[in-house]
Protein backbone atom coordinates (compact mmCIF):
# COMPACT_ATOMS: atom_id res chain seq x y z
CA MET A 1 -21.30 -22.31 17.99
CA ALA A 2 -20.78 -19.19 15.92
CA ASP A 3 -21.67 -15.76 17.42
CA GLU A 4 -24.63 -14.74 15.25
CA SER A 5 -24.04 -11.06 16.26
CA LEU A 6 -20.75 -11.04 14.60
CA ASN A 7 -20.87 -9.48 10.99
CA PHE A 8 -18.80 -7.30 8.78
CA ASP A 9 -20.24 -4.23 10.37
CA THR A 10 -18.71 -5.46 13.69
CA SER A 11 -15.70 -3.38 14.88
CA LEU A 12 -12.79 -5.69 15.76
CA ALA A 13 -10.82 -2.72 17.17
CA GLY A 14 -9.24 -3.24 20.66
CA MET A 15 -9.31 -7.01 20.43
CA LYS A 16 -6.36 -9.02 21.69
CA LYS A 17 -4.53 -10.84 18.83
CA ALA A 18 -6.03 -14.24 19.66
CA ASP A 19 -9.57 -12.81 19.87
CA TRP A 20 -9.11 -10.87 16.58
CA LEU A 21 -7.85 -13.97 14.77
CA ASN A 22 -10.81 -15.89 16.13
CA ALA A 23 -13.29 -13.21 14.96
CA VAL A 24 -11.78 -13.05 11.42
CA GLU A 25 -11.83 -16.78 11.17
CA GLU A 26 -15.50 -16.81 12.11
CA LEU A 27 -16.34 -14.03 9.66
CA CYS A 28 -14.82 -15.72 6.65
CA ASP A 29 -16.12 -19.20 7.53
CA GLU A 30 -19.27 -19.03 5.36
CA ASP A 31 -17.64 -17.83 2.10
CA GLY A 32 -14.04 -18.68 2.51
CA TYR A 33 -11.44 -19.93 4.97
CA PHE A 34 -8.79 -19.01 7.52
CA GLU A 35 -5.45 -20.71 7.68
CA GLN A 36 -2.36 -20.18 9.75
CA LEU A 37 0.86 -20.33 7.68
CA GLY A 38 3.77 -21.20 10.00
CA ARG A 39 4.30 -19.07 13.15
CA ARG A 40 3.88 -15.56 11.82
CA HIS A 41 1.54 -15.52 8.85
CA TYR A 42 -2.12 -16.11 8.10
CA ALA A 43 -4.20 -16.46 5.04
CA VAL A 44 -7.75 -15.10 5.05
CA PHE A 45 -9.94 -15.82 1.95
CA ILE A 46 -13.45 -14.62 1.17
CA GLU A 47 -14.99 -15.43 -2.22
CA LYS A 48 -17.51 -12.96 -3.63
CA SER A 49 -16.95 -12.57 -7.37
CA ALA A 50 -14.70 -13.18 -10.30
CA THR A 51 -12.37 -10.33 -9.31
CA LEU A 52 -9.85 -11.20 -6.67
CA LEU A 53 -7.67 -8.83 -4.71
CA VAL A 54 -4.71 -10.32 -3.05
CA SER A 55 -3.72 -8.00 -0.26
CA PHE A 56 -0.58 -8.29 1.80
CA GLU A 57 -1.06 -6.69 5.31
CA THR A 58 0.37 -6.84 8.84
CA LEU A 59 -1.55 -7.53 12.03
CA GLN A 60 -0.17 -4.25 13.48
CA GLY A 61 -1.16 -2.23 10.41
CA ILE A 62 -4.62 -3.51 10.00
CA PRO A 63 -6.13 -1.70 13.17
CA ALA A 64 -3.96 1.41 12.44
CA LEU A 65 -5.43 1.80 8.87
CA SER A 66 -9.07 0.60 9.38
CA SER A 67 -11.48 2.11 11.85
CA LEU A 68 -13.06 -1.32 12.17
CA ALA A 69 -9.68 -3.11 12.41
CA GLN A 70 -10.49 -5.11 9.45
CA PRO A 71 -8.22 -6.04 6.46
CA LEU A 72 -8.08 -3.43 3.75
CA GLY A 73 -9.17 -5.88 1.22
CA TRP A 74 -12.57 -6.19 3.00
CA GLU A 75 -13.49 -2.66 1.80
CA MET A 76 -13.23 -3.72 -1.76
CA MET A 77 -15.21 -6.87 -0.87
CA LEU A 78 -17.95 -4.90 0.91
CA GLU A 79 -18.18 -1.88 -1.42
CA HIS A 80 -17.44 -3.56 -4.76
CA ASN A 81 -18.08 -7.19 -4.22
CA TRP A 82 -14.58 -8.31 -4.86
CA SER A 83 -13.13 -11.48 -3.60
CA ASN A 84 -10.25 -11.09 -1.19
CA LEU A 85 -7.24 -13.13 -0.28
CA CYS A 86 -5.49 -11.33 2.65
CA ILE A 87 -2.05 -12.62 3.59
CA ALA A 88 -1.25 -11.14 6.96
CA SER A 89 2.06 -11.17 8.84
CA ASN A 90 2.77 -10.68 12.48
CA GLY A 91 5.26 -7.88 12.17
CA ASP A 92 7.34 -6.85 9.14
CA THR A 93 8.58 -10.11 7.74
CA TRP A 94 8.60 -9.33 4.05
CA PHE A 95 6.81 -12.64 3.93
CA ARG A 96 10.06 -14.51 3.64
CA ASP A 97 8.82 -17.74 5.04
CA ASP A 98 8.82 -21.36 3.73
CA ALA A 99 5.24 -21.70 4.96
CA VAL A 100 4.14 -18.83 2.70
CA TYR A 101 6.08 -20.23 -0.27
CA GLU A 102 4.45 -23.49 0.16
CA TYR A 103 0.98 -21.97 0.52
CA PHE A 104 1.47 -20.20 -2.87
CA ASP A 105 2.88 -23.43 -4.37
CA ARG A 106 -0.40 -25.16 -3.34
CA LEU A 107 -2.58 -22.43 -4.83
CA ILE A 108 -0.75 -22.85 -8.06
CA ASP A 109 -1.05 -26.51 -8.12
CA ASP A 110 -4.78 -26.27 -7.28
CA GLY A 111 -5.34 -23.72 -10.16
CA PHE A 112 -6.72 -21.33 -7.51
CA PHE A 113 -6.10 -18.24 -9.54
CA ASP A 114 -7.41 -19.65 -12.81
CA GLU A 115 -10.90 -19.45 -11.11
CA PHE A 116 -10.95 -15.60 -11.36
CA GLU A 117 -11.23 -13.38 -14.36
CA GLN A 118 -9.12 -10.59 -12.87
CA VAL A 119 -6.47 -10.86 -10.15
CA VAL A 120 -4.94 -7.70 -8.49
CA PHE A 121 -2.06 -7.99 -6.01
CA TYR A 122 -1.63 -5.09 -3.56
CA GLY A 123 0.65 -4.04 -0.78
CA ALA A 124 2.67 -1.11 0.66
CA GLY A 125 6.32 -1.07 1.87
CA PRO A 126 7.44 -4.56 2.88
CA CYS A 127 3.88 -5.70 1.87
CA ALA A 128 4.42 -4.20 -1.59
CA TYR A 129 7.59 -6.26 -1.92
CA ALA A 130 5.40 -9.32 -1.21
CA ALA A 131 2.68 -8.26 -3.66
CA ALA A 132 5.24 -8.03 -6.42
CA ALA A 133 7.13 -11.18 -5.46
CA PHE A 134 4.22 -13.47 -5.15
CA SER A 135 2.36 -12.13 -8.17
CA VAL A 136 4.39 -14.56 -10.26
CA ALA A 137 1.97 -17.20 -8.88
CA SER A 138 -0.79 -15.74 -11.02
CA PRO A 139 0.38 -14.93 -14.60
CA GLU A 140 -1.40 -12.03 -16.22
CA ALA A 141 -2.21 -10.54 -12.75
CA ARG A 142 -1.98 -6.72 -12.16
CA VAL A 143 0.01 -5.27 -9.27
CA LEU A 144 -0.22 -2.15 -7.29
CA ALA A 145 2.98 -1.65 -5.15
CA VAL A 146 3.13 1.44 -2.98
CA GLN A 147 6.76 2.24 -1.84
CA PRO A 148 8.01 -1.24 -2.54
CA GLN A 149 11.42 -2.61 -1.73
CA ALA A 150 13.06 -4.67 -4.51
CA THR A 151 15.08 -6.76 -2.15
CA LEU A 152 16.96 -6.43 1.21
CA ASP A 153 19.89 -8.45 -0.13
CA PRO A 154 22.87 -6.20 0.95
CA ARG A 155 24.78 -7.19 -2.20
CA ILE A 156 22.18 -5.30 -4.22
CA THR A 157 20.69 -2.73 -1.77
CA GLU A 158 23.47 -2.15 0.80
CA TRP A 159 22.69 1.55 0.44
CA ASP A 160 19.37 0.98 2.29
CA ASP A 161 20.17 1.38 5.96
CA ARG A 162 16.49 1.36 7.23
CA PHE A 163 16.24 -2.42 7.63
CA THR A 164 19.64 -3.63 8.54
CA ASP A 165 18.26 -6.18 10.96
CA MET A 166 16.84 -7.95 7.91
CA ARG A 167 20.03 -8.33 6.03
CA ARG A 168 20.57 -11.91 7.24
CA MET A 169 17.21 -12.99 5.87
CA ASP A 170 17.34 -14.95 2.60
CA PHE A 171 16.07 -12.83 -0.33
CA THR A 172 17.87 -14.90 -3.01
CA SER A 173 15.75 -18.14 -2.88
CA ARG A 174 12.17 -18.68 -4.21
CA TYR A 175 10.00 -15.56 -4.71
CA GLY A 176 13.08 -13.59 -3.88
CA TYR A 177 13.85 -10.64 -6.17
CA ALA A 178 10.64 -8.77 -6.47
CA PRO A 179 11.25 -6.95 -9.93
CA ASP A 180 11.99 -10.37 -11.65
CA MET A 181 8.76 -11.82 -10.23
CA LEU A 182 6.83 -9.15 -12.20
CA ASP A 183 7.80 -10.60 -15.60
CA GLY A 184 4.61 -12.58 -15.90
CA ALA A 185 2.40 -9.77 -14.84
CA GLU A 186 0.05 -8.03 -17.30
CA ALA A 187 0.91 -4.71 -15.67
CA ALA A 188 2.46 -3.37 -12.48
CA TYR A 189 2.19 0.08 -10.89
CA VAL A 190 4.84 1.40 -8.60
CA VAL A 191 3.73 4.36 -6.51
CA TYR A 192 6.37 6.43 -4.70
CA ASP A 193 7.63 9.89 -3.86
CA PRO A 194 10.78 10.58 -5.90
CA ARG A 195 12.03 12.99 -3.24
CA GLU A 196 12.21 10.06 -0.79
CA GLN A 197 15.66 8.97 -1.96
CA LEU A 198 15.73 5.27 -0.75
CA ASP A 199 12.16 4.67 -2.07
CA ALA A 200 13.17 6.14 -5.45
CA MET A 201 16.28 3.92 -5.58
CA HIS A 202 14.18 0.88 -4.99
CA ALA A 203 11.69 2.03 -7.55
CA ALA A 204 14.43 2.36 -10.09
CA LEU A 205 15.06 -1.38 -9.71
CA PHE A 206 11.55 -2.10 -10.84
CA THR A 207 12.22 -0.69 -14.27
CA ARG A 208 10.44 -3.20 -16.60
CA SER A 209 8.48 -2.94 -19.96
CA ASN A 210 5.27 -3.81 -18.07
CA THR A 211 5.84 -1.56 -15.06
CA HIS A 212 4.56 1.88 -14.71
CA LYS A 213 6.14 4.44 -12.32
CA LEU A 214 3.53 6.64 -10.61
CA ARG A 215 5.33 9.41 -8.93
CA ILE A 216 3.77 11.63 -6.23
CA PRO A 217 6.37 14.29 -5.25
CA HIS A 218 6.15 15.82 -1.66
CA MET A 219 3.81 13.02 -0.46
CA GLY A 220 6.44 11.65 1.96
CA ASN A 221 7.00 8.14 3.37
CA ALA A 222 3.46 7.05 4.39
CA ILE A 223 1.76 7.08 0.95
CA GLN A 224 -0.66 4.27 1.82
CA THR A 225 -2.08 6.26 4.78
CA ASP A 226 -2.32 9.37 2.53
CA LEU A 227 -4.17 7.40 -0.16
CA LEU A 228 -6.63 6.09 2.36
CA GLU A 229 -7.15 9.52 3.91
CA MET A 230 -7.74 11.04 0.44
CA GLU A 231 -10.13 8.10 -0.34
CA GLN A 232 -8.14 7.31 -3.43
CA LEU A 233 -6.87 3.83 -2.78
CA ALA A 234 -10.17 2.17 -3.82
CA PRO A 235 -10.43 4.25 -7.06
CA LEU A 236 -6.87 3.34 -7.82
CA LEU A 237 -7.51 -0.41 -7.41
CA LEU A 238 -10.73 -0.09 -9.54
CA ALA A 239 -8.83 1.59 -12.28
CA ILE A 240 -6.11 -1.00 -12.27
CA ALA A 241 -8.66 -3.81 -12.41
CA ASP A 242 -10.59 -2.42 -15.36
CA GLY A 243 -7.35 -1.40 -17.25
CA SER A 244 -8.18 2.27 -17.31
CA LEU A 245 -5.31 3.57 -15.17
CA ASP A 246 -2.79 5.80 -17.01
CA GLU A 247 -0.76 8.88 -16.08
CA LEU A 248 -3.58 11.26 -16.74
CA SER A 249 -6.28 9.43 -14.80
CA PHE A 250 -3.70 9.03 -11.98
CA ALA A 251 -3.01 12.76 -12.07
CA ARG A 252 -6.70 13.42 -11.82
CA MET A 253 -6.99 11.18 -8.75
CA MET A 254 -4.08 12.92 -7.18
CA ARG A 255 -5.83 16.31 -7.37
CA ALA A 256 -7.20 15.21 -4.08
CA ARG A 257 -3.86 16.42 -2.64
CA ARG A 258 -5.10 19.95 -2.90
CA MET A 259 -7.24 19.31 0.19
CA HIS A 260 -4.80 17.04 2.02
CA SER A 261 -2.91 18.85 4.73
CA PRO A 262 0.03 16.56 5.08
CA TYR A 263 0.95 16.93 1.38
CA LEU A 264 0.44 20.79 1.41
CA ARG A 265 2.68 21.08 4.53
CA ASN A 266 5.28 18.99 2.72
CA LEU A 267 4.94 21.26 -0.22
CA LEU A 268 5.37 24.44 1.78
CA ALA A 269 8.36 23.13 3.69
CA ALA A 270 10.06 22.24 0.34
CA LEU A 271 9.38 25.69 -1.05
CA ASP A 272 10.67 27.28 2.08
CA SER A 273 13.90 25.16 2.23
CA GLY A 274 14.50 25.99 -1.39
CA GLY A 275 14.17 29.76 -0.80
CA ARG A 276 11.09 29.93 -3.21
CA GLU A 277 9.51 32.83 -1.18
CA LYS A 278 7.11 33.97 -3.80
CA LEU A 279 5.82 30.50 -4.53
CA ALA A 280 5.57 29.78 -0.84
CA LEU A 281 3.46 32.79 -0.33
CA ALA A 282 1.22 31.95 -3.35
CA LEU A 283 0.66 28.46 -2.02
CA ALA A 284 -0.15 29.92 1.48
CA ARG A 285 -2.71 32.39 0.01
CA ASN A 286 -4.27 29.66 -2.14
CA VAL A 287 -4.61 27.13 0.69
CA THR A 288 -6.04 29.70 3.24
CA ALA A 289 -8.57 30.80 0.65
CA ARG A 290 -9.87 27.22 0.35
CA MET A 291 -9.65 25.68 3.79
CA HIS A 292 -8.84 26.25 7.32
CA ALA A 293 -5.23 26.06 7.60
CA PRO A 294 -3.53 27.83 10.63
CA ARG A 295 -0.01 26.95 9.66
CA PHE A 296 -0.45 28.54 6.22
CA ALA A 297 -2.15 31.61 7.79
CA ARG A 298 0.82 32.10 10.15
CA ARG A 299 3.12 31.84 7.17
CA LEU A 300 1.31 34.74 5.47
CA GLU A 301 1.38 36.76 8.77
CA ASP A 302 5.04 36.15 9.20
CA SER A 303 5.78 37.48 5.70
CA THR A 304 4.26 40.87 6.57
CA LYS A 305 6.32 41.38 9.77
CA PRO A 306 9.02 44.11 9.44
CA GLU A 307 11.82 41.58 10.11
CA ALA A 308 10.54 39.41 7.32
CA LYS A 309 10.47 42.42 4.82
CA ASP A 310 14.06 43.36 5.91
CA ASP A 311 15.24 39.86 4.95
């Protein structure tokens, strides 16, 4: 018998994996379903409206990114009444699994995506690879890929030394090369920091006529976390769904960086490493005038010390 006290306001934080999976299965039982895909993947579907978010996430990332330890797609479901299909992996698998391929084959055969007016695929990092790769299952979908990898096939990306343990995995078979899988998408948006060299090199492989590069210099290598902390992921998804996202609207959203400490620290470090003393001090003065920022205050104090003036 279902636990009547369990609802979408219930925190799932701190649960063991088996208990968490059971709770998620119970929560989606009324308006959707829960299905295990092979040994390391799960499909969690909840239907609410004609707008569907297909989110790729990891069991490890979900509690780290959500205070309630719930899939990110559930925020769009609860706040904006979107339907959500969450494909979750146990660990970073890049979703390269026959069980996942067969699941998407079945969705295609059943005309699952045809039941929705708008479909948005989303993921970050390895999950962004999957969002792009599996978007081919829903022609005319829109895709948001944050710091995606194009492939880990060493014949193409041997320069990426971050995931060498994955090089034996097959990235050449079905749903393999993510940029090619975007050909049927209505539009795709690749978000990355051009100063992160390996991310930028992968982003270059996504160059397509329907793909828009959204660059965020000095944001670093954890952009999904930054977007969540700045409360800009949901607005970004909403703009993609209604077709209003462009470079200007994206730039306006990213003005939230002005109050985001990790970005400001990265920017200050870049100015200092580049010997841009006047700009670094101007930034420090601007930040300390707007917010409590001890590091920037110390930077100003250091600039007034005699040894600093002698330099």
